[in-house]
Protein backbone atom coordinates (compact mmCIF):
# COMPACT_ATOMS: atom_id res chain seq x y z
CA ARG A 1 204.64 0.39 120.77
CA THR A 2 200.67 0.99 121.39
CA SER A 3 198.07 -1.02 120.00
CA PRO A 4 194.28 -0.92 120.60
CA PRO A 5 193.53 -3.65 123.44
CA THR A 6 190.97 -6.11 123.09
CA GLU A 7 187.70 -6.14 125.23
CA ALA A 8 188.87 -8.79 127.33
CA ALA A 9 192.37 -7.18 128.18
CA VAL A 10 190.11 -3.50 128.83
CA ARG A 11 187.83 -5.50 130.97
CA SER A 12 190.39 -7.12 133.44
CA SER A 13 192.56 -3.87 133.86
CA GLY A 14 192.01 -1.65 136.47
CA LEU A 15 193.09 1.29 134.80
CA GLY A 16 190.90 0.33 131.91
CA ARG A 17 187.78 0.30 134.38
CA VAL A 18 188.90 3.73 135.96
CA ALA A 19 188.81 5.26 132.70
CA MET A 20 185.68 3.66 131.98
CA ALA A 21 184.24 4.44 135.12
CA ALA A 22 182.99 8.30 134.33
CA ALA A 23 183.01 10.95 131.95
CA TRP A 24 185.77 12.92 132.21
CA SER A 25 186.88 16.80 131.73
CA TRP A 26 189.56 17.82 129.34
CA GLY A 27 191.39 20.94 130.25
CA PHE A 28 188.44 23.49 130.70
CA ASN A 29 185.70 21.92 128.45
CA ARG A 30 183.23 20.24 130.65
CA GLU A 31 181.08 18.32 128.03
CA GLY A 32 183.18 15.19 128.68
CA VAL A 33 185.34 13.01 127.06
CA ARG A 34 184.64 8.98 127.46
CA PHE A 35 186.73 5.77 127.36
CA VAL A 36 184.27 3.02 125.89
CA VAL A 37 184.51 -0.42 124.24
CA GLU A 38 182.01 -1.27 121.80
CA LYS A 39 181.90 -4.25 119.51
CA GLY A 40 185.47 -5.17 121.12
CA GLU A 41 187.16 -1.96 119.64
CA ALA A 42 188.42 0.73 122.69
CA LEU A 43 186.97 3.95 121.44
CA PHE A 44 187.57 7.44 122.71
CA ARG A 45 184.49 9.72 122.24
CA SER A 46 185.28 13.77 122.75
CA PRO A 47 183.65 16.80 121.50
CA TRP A 48 186.28 17.33 118.91
CA GLY A 49 185.89 13.50 117.14
CA GLN A 50 186.43 9.83 118.01
CA GLY A 51 189.53 8.04 118.17
CA ARG A 52 191.09 5.05 120.04
CA TRP A 53 192.64 4.12 123.23
CA GLY A 54 194.67 1.56 124.65
CA PHE A 55 197.67 0.93 126.92
CA VAL A 56 201.25 1.59 127.03
CA PRO A 57 202.63 -1.81 127.75
CA SER A 58 205.66 -0.62 129.87
CA ARG A 59 203.74 1.69 132.05
CA ASP A 60 200.65 0.56 134.42
CA ASP A 61 199.48 3.99 134.75
CA VAL A 62 199.61 5.48 131.20
CA ILE A 63 196.91 5.24 128.39
CA PHE A 64 197.46 6.89 124.87
CA VAL A 65 194.80 8.09 123.20
CA ASP A 66 195.03 9.04 119.37
CA PHE A 67 192.33 11.65 118.44
CA ALA A 68 191.95 14.62 115.84
CA GLN A 69 194.93 13.56 114.33
CA GLN A 70 197.17 13.68 117.65
CA MET A 71 198.49 10.96 120.28
CA HIS A 72 198.24 11.69 123.80
CA MET A 73 199.51 9.87 126.58
CA LEU A 74 197.57 10.09 129.46
CA ARG A 75 199.01 9.52 133.07
CA PHE A 76 196.46 8.62 135.75
CA ASP A 77 197.34 9.51 139.20
CA ARG A 78 197.00 6.60 141.43
CA ALA A 79 196.08 8.71 144.53
CA HIS A 80 193.54 10.81 143.06
CA ALA A 81 190.64 10.66 140.39
CA ARG A 82 192.45 12.95 137.70
CA PHE A 83 195.16 12.39 134.73
CA VAL A 84 197.24 14.61 132.87
CA SER A 85 197.28 14.40 129.25
CA THR A 86 200.63 14.96 127.28
CA ARG A 87 200.23 15.60 123.27
CA CYS A 88 203.05 13.60 121.90
CA SER A 89 203.69 16.27 119.07
CA ASP A 90 204.30 19.17 121.07
CA GLY A 91 204.06 18.02 125.03
CA ASP A 92 201.21 20.45 125.45
CA THR A 93 199.58 19.13 128.84
CA VAL A 94 195.46 19.11 129.62
CA SER A 95 194.54 17.54 132.96
CA GLY A 96 191.22 15.69 133.30
CA ASN A 97 189.08 15.08 136.31
CA PRO A 98 185.87 12.77 136.41
CA LEU A 99 182.50 14.86 135.85
CA GLY A 100 179.74 14.42 138.07
CA ASP A 101 179.68 12.54 141.42
CA THR A 102 183.10 11.34 142.15
CA ALA A 103 182.62 9.74 145.78
CA ASP A 104 182.33 6.25 144.13
CA ILE A 105 185.81 6.16 141.92
CA THR A 106 187.50 8.12 144.60
CA ARG A 107 186.88 5.55 147.36
CA ARG A 108 187.61 2.45 144.47
CA LEU A 109 190.86 4.45 143.67
CA GLU A 110 191.90 4.48 147.84
CA ASP A 111 191.60 0.77 147.72
CA GLY A 112 193.78 0.55 144.50
CA TRP A 113 192.69 0.38 140.73
CA ASP A 114 194.22 -3.15 140.49
CA LYS A 115 191.44 -4.47 142.83
CA TRP A 116 188.71 -3.35 140.83
């Protein structure tokens, strides 16, 4: 079961802070997707429209994203600044990497996102 997190939950989560730390590629698209919190809502912004995102309670490395009428599960790699998204309807996968200068996010991941 997934549900959008509260703003407090996002800001207290290392995984949430990793997701919000940068704009991310989505497959070969370099326009960037963003994980943001506005007015207490966890919003996902993409070139294909806005959606929502949140945590999967049974996993500390997975974020769900619901946008463009599709649910995706994004598994973040603890050792590297990247994720793999799996579209729930058909299993299609794409990868995402932070855009721009990744030195800060890479250094923080080396310390472990639970320490952010």
